[in-house]
Amino acid sequence: MEQRPTYRAGFALDITLGVMIDPHLWKIWGIAETTLKDARRYVVEAAGEALTDEDKSSLNQFDEYVAHNEFGLALEEMASLGSGHAPKAAFWKRLEAVAEAMELPEAASIYREKFFAEVHRQ
């Protein structure tokens, strides 16, 4: 059998010629993509008419990151947008779930704290 080159892809473990070889990775990517898209909905809802051109640009950048499986960058972009628009507490819970799935405990802790702060604010 022919040996194919592999490379590291962030938290994504090894990828061989663009094909994921770890089935666990498919699960992580599915969780990250679905949950980040759900978080996007919360930001857009919270911003409403106050969505600026800069926000729209950030949302477009987020969409690009997700389309290219750059979930770490998408997570950071979404957190930045959320900080400016005070979305529902569930938004921060979504980001926490993504960070946990991606094995980013420090980020998960930050989003958990923001979740509880928002719960107590409401």
PDB file of N, CA and C in Angstrom:
ATOM      1  N   MET A   1       0.843  -1.174   0.000  1.00  0.00           N
ATOM      2  CA  MET A   1       0.000   0.000   0.000  1.00  0.00           C
ATOM      3  C   MET A   1       0.888   1.237   0.000  1.00  0.00           C
ATOM      4  N   GLU A   2       0.499   2.202  -0.760  1.00  0.00           N
ATOM      5  CA  GLU A   2       1.244   3.455  -0.884  1.00  0.00           C
ATOM      6  C   GLU A   2       1.154   4.273   0.409  1.00  0.00           C
ATOM      7  N   GLN A   3       2.292   4.780   0.873  1.00  0.00           N
ATOM      8  CA  GLN A   3       2.330   5.631   2.064  1.00  0.00           C
ATOM      9  C   GLN A   3       1.992   7.064   1.649  1.00  0.00           C
ATOM     10  N   ARG A   4       0.971   7.632   2.265  1.00  0.00           N
ATOM     11  CA  ARG A   4       0.562   9.000   1.938  1.00  0.00           C
ATOM     12  C   ARG A   4       1.124   9.961   2.966  1.00  0.00           C
ATOM     13  N   PRO A   5       1.494  11.155   2.517  1.00  0.00           N
ATOM     14  CA  PRO A   5       2.018  12.144   3.474  1.00  0.00           C
ATOM     15  C   PRO A   5       0.915  12.630   4.404  1.00  0.00           C
ATOM     16  N   THR A   6       1.301  12.888   5.640  1.00  0.00           N
ATOM     17  CA  THR A   6       0.361  13.448   6.612  1.00  0.00           C
ATOM     18  C   THR A   6       0.910  14.767   7.112  1.00  0.00           C
ATOM     19  N   TYR A   7       0.049  15.590   7.671  1.00  0.00           N
ATOM     20  CA  TYR A   7       0.454  16.852   8.268  1.00  0.00           C
ATOM     21  C   TYR A   7      -0.435  17.150   9.456  1.00  0.00           C
ATOM     22  N   ARG A   8       0.052  17.999  10.339  1.00  0.00           N
ATOM     23  CA  ARG A   8      -0.725  18.387  11.516  1.00  0.00           C
ATOM     24  C   ARG A   8      -1.667  19.512  11.119  1.00  0.00           C
ATOM     25  N   ALA A   9      -2.873  19.466  11.661  1.00  0.00           N
ATOM     26  CA  ALA A   9      -3.880  20.472  11.331  1.00  0.00           C
ATOM     27  C   ALA A   9      -4.473  21.033  12.620  1.00  0.00           C
ATOM     28  N   GLY A  10      -3.708  21.837  13.316  1.00  0.00           N
ATOM     29  CA  GLY A  10      -4.195  22.429  14.554  1.00  0.00           C
ATOM     30  C   GLY A  10      -4.581  21.344  15.542  1.00  0.00           C
ATOM     31  N   PHE A  11      -5.755  21.494  16.155  1.00  0.00           N
ATOM     32  CA  PHE A  11      -6.222  20.495  17.108  1.00  0.00           C
ATOM     33  C   PHE A  11      -6.672  19.239  16.382  1.00  0.00           C
ATOM     34  N   ALA A  12      -6.640  19.289  15.058  1.00  0.00           N
ATOM     35  CA  ALA A  12      -7.279  18.294  14.224  1.00  0.00           C
ATOM     36  C   ALA A  12      -6.517  16.984  14.034  1.00  0.00           C
ATOM     37  N   LEU A  13      -5.450  16.781  14.791  1.00  0.00           N
ATOM     38  CA  LEU A  13      -4.682  15.551  14.662  1.00  0.00           C
ATOM     39  C   LEU A  13      -4.103  15.425  13.255  1.00  0.00           C
ATOM     40  N   ASP A  14      -3.944  14.208  12.775  1.00  0.00           N
ATOM     41  CA  ASP A  14      -3.336  14.016  11.458  1.00  0.00           C
ATOM     42  C   ASP A  14      -4.384  13.982  10.360  1.00  0.00           C
ATOM     43  N   ILE A  15      -4.038  14.619   9.266  1.00  0.00           N
ATOM     44  CA  ILE A  15      -4.892  14.592   8.078  1.00  0.00           C
ATOM     45  C   ILE A  15      -4.039  14.067   6.940  1.00  0.00           C
ATOM     46  N   THR A  16      -4.541  13.120   6.201  1.00  0.00           N
ATOM     47  CA  THR A  16      -3.819  12.532   5.089  1.00  0.00           C
ATOM     48  C   THR A  16      -4.458  12.992   3.793  1.00  0.00           C
ATOM     49  N   LEU A  17      -3.709  13.746   3.018  1.00  0.00           N
ATOM     50  CA  LEU A  17      -4.202  14.253   1.742  1.00  0.00           C
ATOM     51  C   LEU A  17      -5.613  14.827   1.856  1.00  0.00           C
ATOM     52  N   GLY A  18      -5.848  15.572   2.907  1.00  0.00           N
ATOM     53  CA  GLY A  18      -7.138  16.229   3.093  1.00  0.00           C
ATOM     54  C   GLY A  18      -8.229  15.319   3.606  1.00  0.00           C
ATOM     55  N   VAL A  19      -7.926  14.062   3.903  1.00  0.00           N
ATOM     56  CA  VAL A  19      -8.929  13.118   4.392  1.00  0.00           C
ATOM     57  C   VAL A  19      -8.617  12.818   5.853  1.00  0.00           C
ATOM     58  N   MET A  20      -9.574  13.069   6.713  1.00  0.00           N
ATOM     59  CA  MET A  20      -9.353  12.814   8.133  1.00  0.00           C
ATOM     60  C   MET A  20      -9.241  11.313   8.375  1.00  0.00           C
ATOM     61  N   ILE A  21      -8.217  10.917   9.147  1.00  0.00           N
ATOM     62  CA  ILE A  21      -8.030   9.499   9.416  1.00  0.00           C
ATOM     63  C   ILE A  21      -8.480   9.107  10.818  1.00  0.00           C
ATOM     64  N   ASP A  22      -8.931  10.058  11.602  1.00  0.00           N
ATOM     65  CA  ASP A  22      -9.394   9.780  12.959  1.00  0.00           C
ATOM     66  C   ASP A  22     -10.900  10.029  13.024  1.00  0.00           C
ATOM     67  N   PRO A  23     -11.707   8.989  13.227  1.00  0.00           N
ATOM     68  CA  PRO A  23     -13.161   9.174  13.259  1.00  0.00           C
ATOM     69  C   PRO A  23     -13.610  10.104  14.379  1.00  0.00           C
ATOM     70  N   HIS A  24     -12.834  10.155  15.475  1.00  0.00           N
ATOM     71  CA  HIS A  24     -13.162  11.074  16.570  1.00  0.00           C
ATOM     72  C   HIS A  24     -13.134  12.521  16.081  1.00  0.00           C
ATOM     73  N   LEU A  25     -12.260  12.799  15.134  1.00  0.00           N
ATOM     74  CA  LEU A  25     -12.146  14.142  14.575  1.00  0.00           C
ATOM     75  C   LEU A  25     -13.427  14.566  13.853  1.00  0.00           C
ATOM     76  N   TRP A  26     -14.046  13.635  13.154  1.00  0.00           N
ATOM     77  CA  TRP A  26     -15.316  13.947  12.487  1.00  0.00           C
ATOM     78  C   TRP A  26     -16.342  14.426  13.507  1.00  0.00           C
ATOM     79  N   LYS A  27     -16.381  13.761  14.650  1.00  0.00           N
ATOM     80  CA  LYS A  27     -17.331  14.135  15.696  1.00  0.00           C
ATOM     81  C   LYS A  27     -17.021  15.532  16.232  1.00  0.00           C
ATOM     82  N   ILE A  28     -15.741  15.806  16.511  1.00  0.00           N
ATOM     83  CA  ILE A  28     -15.351  17.124  17.019  1.00  0.00           C
ATOM     84  C   ILE A  28     -15.722  18.206  16.018  1.00  0.00           C
ATOM     85  N   TRP A  29     -15.404  17.983  14.751  1.00  0.00           N
ATOM     86  CA  TRP A  29     -15.708  18.987  13.734  1.00  0.00           C
ATOM     87  C   TRP A  29     -17.210  19.199  13.608  1.00  0.00           C
ATOM     88  N   GLY A  30     -17.979  18.121  13.681  1.00  0.00           N
ATOM     89  CA  GLY A  30     -19.438  18.251  13.587  1.00  0.00           C
ATOM     90  C   GLY A  30     -20.004  19.067  14.740  1.00  0.00           C
ATOM     91  N   ILE A  31     -19.519  18.782  15.940  1.00  0.00           N
ATOM     92  CA  ILE A  31     -19.965  19.543  17.123  1.00  0.00           C
ATOM     93  C   ILE A  31     -19.579  21.007  16.966  1.00  0.00           C
ATOM     94  N   ALA A  32     -18.329  21.250  16.595  1.00  0.00           N
ATOM     95  CA  ALA A  32     -17.846  22.625  16.476  1.00  0.00           C
ATOM     96  C   ALA A  32     -18.634  23.402  15.423  1.00  0.00           C
ATOM     97  N   GLU A  33     -18.801  22.824  14.257  1.00  0.00           N
ATOM     98  CA  GLU A  33     -19.496  23.535  13.183  1.00  0.00           C
ATOM     99  C   GLU A  33     -20.945  23.842  13.538  1.00  0.00           C
ATOM    100  N   THR A  34     -21.667  22.846  13.993  1.00  0.00           N
ATOM    101  CA  THR A  34     -23.081  23.028  14.325  1.00  0.00           C
ATOM    102  C   THR A  34     -23.270  24.027  15.461  1.00  0.00           C
ATOM    103  N   THR A  35     -22.457  23.905  16.482  1.00  0.00           N
ATOM    104  CA  THR A  35     -22.607  24.751  17.660  1.00  0.00           C
ATOM    105  C   THR A  35     -22.179  26.187  17.377  1.00  0.00           C
ATOM    106  N   LEU A  36     -21.137  26.364  16.586  1.00  0.00           N
ATOM    107  CA  LEU A  36     -20.720  27.726  16.212  1.00  0.00           C
ATOM    108  C   LEU A  36     -21.786  28.415  15.361  1.00  0.00           C
ATOM    109  N   LYS A  37     -22.381  27.683  14.444  1.00  0.00           N
ATOM    110  CA  LYS A  37     -23.448  28.274  13.619  1.00  0.00           C
ATOM    111  C   LYS A  37     -24.647  28.663  14.484  1.00  0.00           C
ATOM    112  N   ASP A  38     -24.923  27.871  15.496  1.00  0.00           N
ATOM    113  CA  ASP A  38     -25.999  28.197  16.422  1.00  0.00           C
ATOM    114  C   ASP A  38     -25.659  29.461  17.210  1.00  0.00           C
ATOM    115  N   ALA A  39     -24.414  29.572  17.652  1.00  0.00           N
ATOM    116  CA  ALA A  39     -23.976  30.771  18.379  1.00  0.00           C
ATOM    117  C   ALA A  39     -24.092  32.006  17.497  1.00  0.00           C
ATOM    118  N   ARG A  40     -23.801  31.865  16.215  1.00  0.00           N
ATOM    119  CA  ARG A  40     -23.912  32.985  15.262  1.00  0.00           C
ATOM    120  C   ARG A  40     -25.333  33.552  15.274  1.00  0.00           C
ATOM    121  N   ARG A  41     -26.288  32.666  15.311  1.00  0.00           N
ATOM    122  CA  ARG A  41     -27.698  33.082  15.325  1.00  0.00           C
ATOM    123  C   ARG A  41     -28.000  33.958  16.542  1.00  0.00           C
ATOM    124  N   TYR A  42     -27.447  33.601  17.697  1.00  0.00           N
ATOM    125  CA  TYR A  42     -27.658  34.392  18.911  1.00  0.00           C
ATOM    126  C   TYR A  42     -27.077  35.802  18.781  1.00  0.00           C
ATOM    127  N   VAL A  43     -25.911  35.923  18.174  1.00  0.00           N
ATOM    128  CA  VAL A  43     -25.297  37.246  18.010  1.00  0.00           C
ATOM    129  C   VAL A  43     -26.123  38.111  17.066  1.00  0.00           C
ATOM    130  N   VAL A  44     -26.530  37.543  15.958  1.00  0.00           N
ATOM    131  CA  VAL A  44     -27.330  38.302  14.990  1.00  0.00           C
ATOM    132  C   VAL A  44     -28.642  38.747  15.628  1.00  0.00           C
ATOM    133  N   GLU A  45     -29.247  37.862  16.396  1.00  0.00           N
ATOM    134  CA  GLU A  45     -30.498  38.194  17.094  1.00  0.00           C
ATOM    135  C   GLU A  45     -30.280  39.315  18.105  1.00  0.00           C
ATOM    136  N   ALA A  46     -29.201  39.237  18.861  1.00  0.00           N
ATOM    137  CA  ALA A  46     -28.920  40.243  19.895  1.00  0.00           C
ATOM    138  C   ALA A  46     -28.597  41.601  19.272  1.00  0.00           C
ATOM    139  N   ALA A  47     -27.886  41.592  18.170  1.00  0.00           N
ATOM    140  CA  ALA A  47     -27.491  42.853  17.526  1.00  0.00           C
ATOM    141  C   ALA A  47     -28.674  43.525  16.851  1.00  0.00           C
ATOM    142  N   GLY A  48     -29.518  42.739  16.232  1.00  0.00           N
ATOM    143  CA  GLY A  48     -30.689  43.291  15.551  1.00  0.00           C
ATOM    144  C   GLY A  48     -30.312  44.385  14.577  1.00  0.00           C
ATOM    145  N   GLU A  49     -30.953  45.526  14.712  1.00  0.00           N
ATOM    146  CA  GLU A  49     -30.715  46.670  13.832  1.00  0.00           C
ATOM    147  C   GLU A  49     -29.369  47.345  14.100  1.00  0.00           C
ATOM    148  N   ALA A  50     -28.756  47.032  15.233  1.00  0.00           N
ATOM    149  CA  ALA A  50     -27.480  47.657  15.599  1.00  0.00           C
ATOM    150  C   ALA A  50     -26.282  46.983  14.925  1.00  0.00           C
ATOM    151  N   LEU A  51     -26.526  46.014  14.062  1.00  0.00           N
ATOM    152  CA  LEU A  51     -25.450  45.314  13.368  1.00  0.00           C
ATOM    153  C   LEU A  51     -24.742  46.294  12.427  1.00  0.00           C
ATOM    154  N   THR A  52     -23.486  46.564  12.706  1.00  0.00           N
ATOM    155  CA  THR A  52     -22.716  47.533  11.923  1.00  0.00           C
ATOM    156  C   THR A  52     -22.047  46.854  10.730  1.00  0.00           C
ATOM    157  N   ASP A  53     -21.466  47.676   9.861  1.00  0.00           N
ATOM    158  CA  ASP A  53     -20.715  47.127   8.731  1.00  0.00           C
ATOM    159  C   ASP A  53     -19.529  46.310   9.229  1.00  0.00           C
ATOM    160  N   GLU A  54     -18.916  46.762  10.320  1.00  0.00           N
ATOM    161  CA  GLU A  54     -17.798  46.017  10.908  1.00  0.00           C
ATOM    162  C   GLU A  54     -18.273  44.659  11.423  1.00  0.00           C
ATOM    163  N   ASP A  55     -19.453  44.637  12.047  1.00  0.00           N
ATOM    164  CA  ASP A  55     -20.033  43.374  12.518  1.00  0.00           C
ATOM    165  C   ASP A  55     -20.307  42.445  11.342  1.00  0.00           C
ATOM    166  N   LYS A  56     -20.853  43.005  10.280  1.00  0.00           N
ATOM    167  CA  LYS A  56     -21.150  42.195   9.089  1.00  0.00           C
ATOM    168  C   LYS A  56     -19.868  41.621   8.499  1.00  0.00           C
ATOM    169  N   SER A  57     -18.823  42.413   8.508  1.00  0.00           N
ATOM    170  CA  SER A  57     -17.524  41.940   8.021  1.00  0.00           C
ATOM    171  C   SER A  57     -17.011  40.806   8.908  1.00  0.00           C
ATOM    172  N   SER A  58     -17.171  40.956  10.226  1.00  0.00           N
ATOM    173  CA  SER A  58     -16.761  39.909  11.158  1.00  0.00           C
ATOM    174  C   SER A  58     -17.575  38.632  10.950  1.00  0.00           C
ATOM    175  N   LEU A  59     -18.858  38.783  10.693  1.00  0.00           N
ATOM    176  CA  LEU A  59     -19.699  37.611  10.423  1.00  0.00           C
ATOM    177  C   LEU A  59     -19.262  36.916   9.135  1.00  0.00           C
ATOM    178  N   ASN A  60     -18.917  37.702   8.125  1.00  0.00           N
ATOM    179  CA  ASN A  60     -18.424  37.117   6.874  1.00  0.00           C
ATOM    180  C   ASN A  60     -17.113  36.373   7.113  1.00  0.00           C
ATOM    181  N   GLN A  61     -16.237  36.974   7.917  1.00  0.00           N
ATOM    182  CA  GLN A  61     -14.965  36.323   8.240  1.00  0.00           C
ATOM    183  C   GLN A  61     -15.226  35.022   9.001  1.00  0.00           C
ATOM    184  N   PHE A  62     -16.154  35.071   9.957  1.00  0.00           N
ATOM    185  CA  PHE A  62     -16.545  33.876  10.703  1.00  0.00           C
ATOM    186  C   PHE A  62     -17.017  32.783   9.741  1.00  0.00           C
ATOM    187  N   ASP A  63     -17.883  33.153   8.804  1.00  0.00           N
ATOM    188  CA  ASP A  63     -18.401  32.179   7.836  1.00  0.00           C
ATOM    189  C   ASP A  63     -17.273  31.547   7.020  1.00  0.00           C
ATOM    190  N   GLU A  64     -16.284  32.356   6.664  1.00  0.00           N
ATOM    191  CA  GLU A  64     -15.112  31.840   5.936  1.00  0.00           C
ATOM    192  C   GLU A  64     -14.348  30.838   6.786  1.00  0.00           C
ATOM    193  N   TYR A  65     -14.119  31.199   8.039  1.00  0.00           N
ATOM    194  CA  TYR A  65     -13.401  30.289   8.935  1.00  0.00           C
ATOM    195  C   TYR A  65     -14.127  28.957   9.048  1.00  0.00           C
ATOM    196  N   VAL A  66     -15.430  29.005   9.233  1.00  0.00           N
ATOM    197  CA  VAL A  66     -16.203  27.772   9.368  1.00  0.00           C
ATOM    198  C   VAL A  66     -16.154  26.969   8.065  1.00  0.00           C
ATOM    199  N   ALA A  67     -16.279  27.645   6.935  1.00  0.00           N
ATOM    200  CA  ALA A  67     -16.254  26.963   5.643  1.00  0.00           C
ATOM    201  C   ALA A  67     -14.932  26.232   5.408  1.00  0.00           C
ATOM    202  N   HIS A  68     -13.859  26.751   6.010  1.00  0.00           N
ATOM    203  CA  HIS A  68     -12.537  26.138   5.836  1.00  0.00           C
ATOM    204  C   HIS A  68     -12.096  25.334   7.067  1.00  0.00           C
ATOM    205  N   ASN A  69     -13.062  24.999   7.924  1.00  0.00           N
ATOM    206  CA  ASN A  69     -12.793  24.190   9.120  1.00  0.00           C
ATOM    207  C   ASN A  69     -11.747  24.812  10.042  1.00  0.00           C
ATOM    208  N   GLU A  70     -11.692  26.125  10.068  1.00  0.00           N
ATOM    209  CA  GLU A  70     -10.795  26.847  10.981  1.00  0.00           C
ATOM    210  C   GLU A  70     -11.597  27.216  12.226  1.00  0.00           C
ATOM    211  N   PHE A  71     -11.957  26.195  12.999  1.00  0.00           N
ATOM    212  CA  PHE A  71     -12.893  26.387  14.095  1.00  0.00           C
ATOM    213  C   PHE A  71     -12.312  27.191  15.252  1.00  0.00           C
ATOM    214  N   GLY A  72     -11.026  27.115  15.483  1.00  0.00           N
ATOM    215  CA  GLY A  72     -10.408  27.930  16.527  1.00  0.00           C
ATOM    216  C   GLY A  72     -10.528  29.412  16.212  1.00  0.00           C
ATOM    217  N   LEU A  73     -10.263  29.766  14.967  1.00  0.00           N
ATOM    218  CA  LEU A  73     -10.395  31.166  14.545  1.00  0.00           C
ATOM    219  C   LEU A  73     -11.857  31.599  14.559  1.00  0.00           C
ATOM    220  N   ALA A  74     -12.740  30.706  14.130  1.00  0.00           N
ATOM    221  CA  ALA A  74     -14.175  31.016  14.140  1.00  0.00           C
ATOM    222  C   ALA A  74     -14.658  31.248  15.574  1.00  0.00           C
ATOM    223  N   LEU A  75     -14.153  30.448  16.498  1.00  0.00           N
ATOM    224  CA  LEU A  75     -14.524  30.594  17.906  1.00  0.00           C
ATOM    225  C   LEU A  75     -14.096  31.960  18.435  1.00  0.00           C
ATOM    226  N   GLU A  76     -12.873  32.359  18.138  1.00  0.00           N
ATOM    227  CA  GLU A  76     -12.377  33.668  18.576  1.00  0.00           C
ATOM    228  C   GLU A  76     -13.185  34.810  17.962  1.00  0.00           C
ATOM    229  N   GLU A  77     -13.509  34.689  16.692  1.00  0.00           N
ATOM    230  CA  GLU A  77     -14.288  35.727  16.000  1.00  0.00           C
ATOM    231  C   GLU A  77     -15.670  35.854  16.631  1.00  0.00           C
ATOM    232  N   MET A  78     -16.287  34.722  16.928  1.00  0.00           N
ATOM    233  CA  MET A  78     -17.630  34.742  17.504  1.00  0.00           C
ATOM    234  C   MET A  78     -17.602  35.309  18.915  1.00  0.00           C
ATOM    235  N   ALA A  79     -16.578  34.966  19.690  1.00  0.00           N
ATOM    236  CA  ALA A  79     -16.462  35.500  21.053  1.00  0.00           C
ATOM    237  C   ALA A  79     -16.309  37.010  21.015  1.00  0.00           C
ATOM    238  N   SER A  80     -15.545  37.504  20.068  1.00  0.00           N
ATOM    239  CA  SER A  80     -15.359  38.946  19.918  1.00  0.00           C
ATOM    240  C   SER A  80     -16.683  39.633  19.575  1.00  0.00           C
ATOM    241  N   LEU A  81     -17.421  39.041  18.667  1.00  0.00           N
ATOM    242  CA  LEU A  81     -18.735  39.602  18.311  1.00  0.00           C
ATOM    243  C   LEU A  81     -19.686  39.570  19.504  1.00  0.00           C
ATOM    244  N   GLY A  82     -19.673  38.477  20.235  1.00  0.00           N
ATOM    245  CA  GLY A  82     -20.560  38.338  21.389  1.00  0.00           C
ATOM    246  C   GLY A  82     -20.263  39.362  22.465  1.00  0.00           C
ATOM    247  N   SER A  83     -18.999  39.677  22.651  1.00  0.00           N
ATOM    248  CA  SER A  83     -18.620  40.655  23.672  1.00  0.00           C
ATOM    249  C   SER A  83     -19.199  42.037  23.369  1.00  0.00           C
ATOM    250  N   GLY A  84     -19.433  42.314  22.114  1.00  0.00           N
ATOM    251  CA  GLY A  84     -19.957  43.623  21.736  1.00  0.00           C
ATOM    252  C   GLY A  84     -21.465  43.728  21.683  1.00  0.00           C
ATOM    253  N   HIS A  85     -22.176  42.609  21.833  1.00  0.00           N
ATOM    254  CA  HIS A  85     -23.631  42.664  21.638  1.00  0.00           C
ATOM    255  C   HIS A  85     -24.470  42.033  22.737  1.00  0.00           C
ATOM    256  N   ALA A  86     -23.867  41.572  23.806  1.00  0.00           N
ATOM    257  CA  ALA A  86     -24.597  40.999  24.948  1.00  0.00           C
ATOM    258  C   ALA A  86     -25.700  40.027  24.526  1.00  0.00           C
ATOM    259  N   PRO A  87     -25.322  38.940  23.866  1.00  0.00           N
ATOM    260  CA  PRO A  87     -26.340  37.942  23.500  1.00  0.00           C
ATOM    261  C   PRO A  87     -26.831  37.194  24.740  1.00  0.00           C
ATOM    262  N   LYS A  88     -27.828  36.374  24.556  1.00  0.00           N
ATOM    263  CA  LYS A  88     -28.361  35.560  25.655  1.00  0.00           C
ATOM    264  C   LYS A  88     -27.257  34.688  26.243  1.00  0.00           C
ATOM    265  N   ALA A  89     -27.466  34.273  27.473  1.00  0.00           N
ATOM    266  CA  ALA A  89     -26.492  33.431  28.163  1.00  0.00           C
ATOM    267  C   ALA A  89     -26.185  32.154  27.376  1.00  0.00           C
ATOM    268  N   ALA A  90     -27.181  31.646  26.676  1.00  0.00           N
ATOM    269  CA  ALA A  90     -26.994  30.411  25.912  1.00  0.00           C
ATOM    270  C   ALA A  90     -25.897  30.544  24.859  1.00  0.00           C
ATOM    271  N   PHE A  91     -25.666  31.758  24.381  1.00  0.00           N
ATOM    272  CA  PHE A  91     -24.579  32.004  23.428  1.00  0.00           C
ATOM    273  C   PHE A  91     -23.252  31.555  24.023  1.00  0.00           C
ATOM    274  N   TRP A  92     -22.980  31.986  25.268  1.00  0.00           N
ATOM    275  CA  TRP A  92     -21.710  31.652  25.912  1.00  0.00           C
ATOM    276  C   TRP A  92     -21.621  30.162  26.210  1.00  0.00           C
ATOM    277  N   LYS A  93     -22.745  29.535  26.479  1.00  0.00           N
ATOM    278  CA  LYS A  93     -22.762  28.088  26.701  1.00  0.00           C
ATOM    279  C   LYS A  93     -22.379  27.367  25.411  1.00  0.00           C
ATOM    280  N   ARG A  94     -22.815  27.887  24.276  1.00  0.00           N
ATOM    281  CA  ARG A  94     -22.441  27.290  22.983  1.00  0.00           C
ATOM    282  C   ARG A  94     -20.927  27.375  22.770  1.00  0.00           C
ATOM    283  N   LEU A  95     -20.373  28.558  23.061  1.00  0.00           N
ATOM    284  CA  LEU A  95     -18.932  28.723  22.873  1.00  0.00           C
ATOM    285  C   LEU A  95     -18.157  27.822  23.834  1.00  0.00           C
ATOM    286  N   GLU A  96     -18.663  27.678  25.043  1.00  0.00           N
ATOM    287  CA  GLU A  96     -18.022  26.777  26.002  1.00  0.00           C
ATOM    288  C   GLU A  96     -18.012  25.342  25.461  1.00  0.00           C
ATOM    289  N   ALA A  97     -19.120  24.914  24.893  1.00  0.00           N
ATOM    290  CA  ALA A  97     -19.210  23.556  24.344  1.00  0.00           C
ATOM    291  C   ALA A  97     -18.207  23.343  23.212  1.00  0.00           C
ATOM    292  N   VAL A  98     -18.053  24.350  22.363  1.00  0.00           N
ATOM    293  CA  VAL A  98     -17.083  24.239  21.264  1.00  0.00           C
ATOM    294  C   VAL A  98     -15.669  24.145  21.829  1.00  0.00           C
ATOM    295  N   ALA A  99     -15.351  25.008  22.781  1.00  0.00           N
ATOM    296  CA  ALA A  99     -14.015  25.000  23.380  1.00  0.00           C
ATOM    297  C   ALA A  99     -13.731  23.651  24.050  1.00  0.00           C
ATOM    298  N   GLU A 100     -14.717  23.099  24.726  1.00  0.00           N
ATOM    299  CA  GLU A 100     -14.529  21.793  25.358  1.00  0.00           C
ATOM    300  C   GLU A 100     -14.315  20.704  24.315  1.00  0.00           C
ATOM    301  N   ALA A 101     -15.094  20.731  23.247  1.00  0.00           N
ATOM    302  CA  ALA A 101     -14.943  19.729  22.184  1.00  0.00           C
ATOM    303  C   ALA A 101     -13.559  19.814  21.545  1.00  0.00           C
ATOM    304  N   MET A 102     -13.040  21.035  21.452  1.00  0.00           N
ATOM    305  CA  MET A 102     -11.730  21.249  20.848  1.00  0.00           C
ATOM    306  C   MET A 102     -10.592  21.100  21.856  1.00  0.00           C
ATOM    307  N   GLU A 103     -10.943  20.721  23.080  1.00  0.00           N
ATOM    308  CA  GLU A 103      -9.972  20.527  24.150  1.00  0.00           C
ATOM    309  C   GLU A 103      -9.172  21.800  24.438  1.00  0.00           C
ATOM    310  N   LEU A 104      -9.914  22.894  24.617  1.00  0.00           N
ATOM    311  CA  LEU A 104      -9.352  24.199  24.965  1.00  0.00           C
ATOM    312  C   LEU A 104      -9.894  24.596  26.337  1.00  0.00           C
ATOM    313  N   PRO A 105      -9.356  24.013  27.403  1.00  0.00           N
ATOM    314  CA  PRO A 105      -9.928  24.229  28.738  1.00  0.00           C
ATOM    315  C   PRO A 105      -9.899  25.678  29.209  1.00  0.00           C
ATOM    316  N   GLU A 106      -8.864  26.433  28.868  1.00  0.00           N
ATOM    317  CA  GLU A 106      -8.809  27.834  29.310  1.00  0.00           C
ATOM    318  C   GLU A 106      -9.919  28.646  28.653  1.00  0.00           C
ATOM    319  N   ALA A 107     -10.116  28.443  27.358  1.00  0.00           N
ATOM    320  CA  ALA A 107     -11.194  29.151  26.662  1.00  0.00           C
ATOM    321  C   ALA A 107     -12.554  28.721  27.208  1.00  0.00           C
ATOM    322  N   ALA A 108     -12.723  27.424  27.443  1.00  0.00           N
ATOM    323  CA  ALA A 108     -13.990  26.924  27.983  1.00  0.00           C
ATOM    324  C   ALA A 108     -14.292  27.577  29.329  1.00  0.00           C
ATOM    325  N   SER A 109     -13.279  27.736  30.154  1.00  0.00           N
ATOM    326  CA  SER A 109     -13.454  28.366  31.460  1.00  0.00           C
ATOM    327  C   SER A 109     -13.892  29.825  31.326  1.00  0.00           C
ATOM    328  N   ILE A 110     -13.301  30.540  30.396  1.00  0.00           N
ATOM    329  CA  ILE A 110     -13.671  31.943  30.157  1.00  0.00           C
ATOM    330  C   ILE A 110     -15.123  32.041  29.722  1.00  0.00           C
ATOM    331  N   TYR A 111     -15.527  31.181  28.778  1.00  0.00           N
ATOM    332  CA  TYR A 111     -16.903  31.234  28.288  1.00  0.00           C
ATOM    333  C   TYR A 111     -17.895  30.801  29.355  1.00  0.00           C
ATOM    334  N   ARG A 112     -17.489  29.867  30.223  1.00  0.00           N
ATOM    335  CA  ARG A 112     -18.340  29.438  31.335  1.00  0.00           C
ATOM    336  C   ARG A 112     -18.581  30.603  32.291  1.00  0.00           C
ATOM    337  N   GLU A 113     -17.517  31.356  32.588  1.00  0.00           N
ATOM    338  CA  GLU A 113     -17.651  32.529  33.456  1.00  0.00           C
ATOM    339  C   GLU A 113     -18.574  33.574  32.833  1.00  0.00           C
ATOM    340  N   LYS A 114     -18.456  33.775  31.530  1.00  0.00           N
ATOM    341  CA  LYS A 114     -19.327  34.743  30.848  1.00  0.00           C
ATOM    342  C   LYS A 114     -20.775  34.265  30.862  1.00  0.00           C
ATOM    343  N   PHE A 115     -20.956  32.957  30.738  1.00  0.00           N
ATOM    344  CA  PHE A 115     -22.308  32.384  30.812  1.00  0.00           C
ATOM    345  C   PHE A 115     -22.935  32.704  32.165  1.00  0.00           C
ATOM    346  N   PHE A 116     -22.213  32.401  33.250  1.00  0.00           N
ATOM    347  CA  PHE A 116     -22.768  32.633  34.581  1.00  0.00           C
ATOM    348  C   PHE A 116     -22.976  34.119  34.835  1.00  0.00           C
ATOM    349  N   ALA A 117     -22.080  34.959  34.354  1.00  0.00           N
ATOM    350  CA  ALA A 117     -22.251  36.413  34.534  1.00  0.00           C
ATOM    351  C   ALA A 117     -23.524  36.871  33.822  1.00  0.00           C
ATOM    352  N   GLU A 118     -23.774  36.338  32.651  1.00  0.00           N
ATOM    353  CA  GLU A 118     -24.981  36.729  31.896  1.00  0.00           C
ATOM    354  C   GLU A 118     -26.236  36.186  32.563  1.00  0.00           C
ATOM    355  N   VAL A 119     -26.175  34.989  33.108  1.00  0.00           N
ATOM    356  CA  VAL A 119     -27.329  34.406  33.808  1.00  0.00           C
ATOM    357  C   VAL A 119     -27.695  35.281  34.996  1.00  0.00           C
ATOM    358  N   HIS A 120     -26.686  35.717  35.757  1.00  0.00           N
ATOM    359  CA  HIS A 120     -26.949  36.524  36.949  1.00  0.00           C
ATOM    360  C   HIS A 120     -27.344  37.953  36.588  1.00  0.00           C
ATOM    361  N   ARG A 121     -26.982  38.407  35.401  1.00  0.00           N
ATOM    362  CA  ARG A 121     -27.344  39.758  34.955  1.00  0.00           C
ATOM    363  C   ARG A 121     -28.831  39.811  34.585  1.00  0.00           C
ATOM    364  N   GLN A 122     -29.322  38.720  34.014  1.00  0.00           N
ATOM    365  CA  GLN A 122     -30.706  38.705  33.539  1.00  0.00           C
ATOM    366  C   GLN A 122     -31.608  38.640  34.687  1.00  0.00           C
TER     367      GLN A 122
END
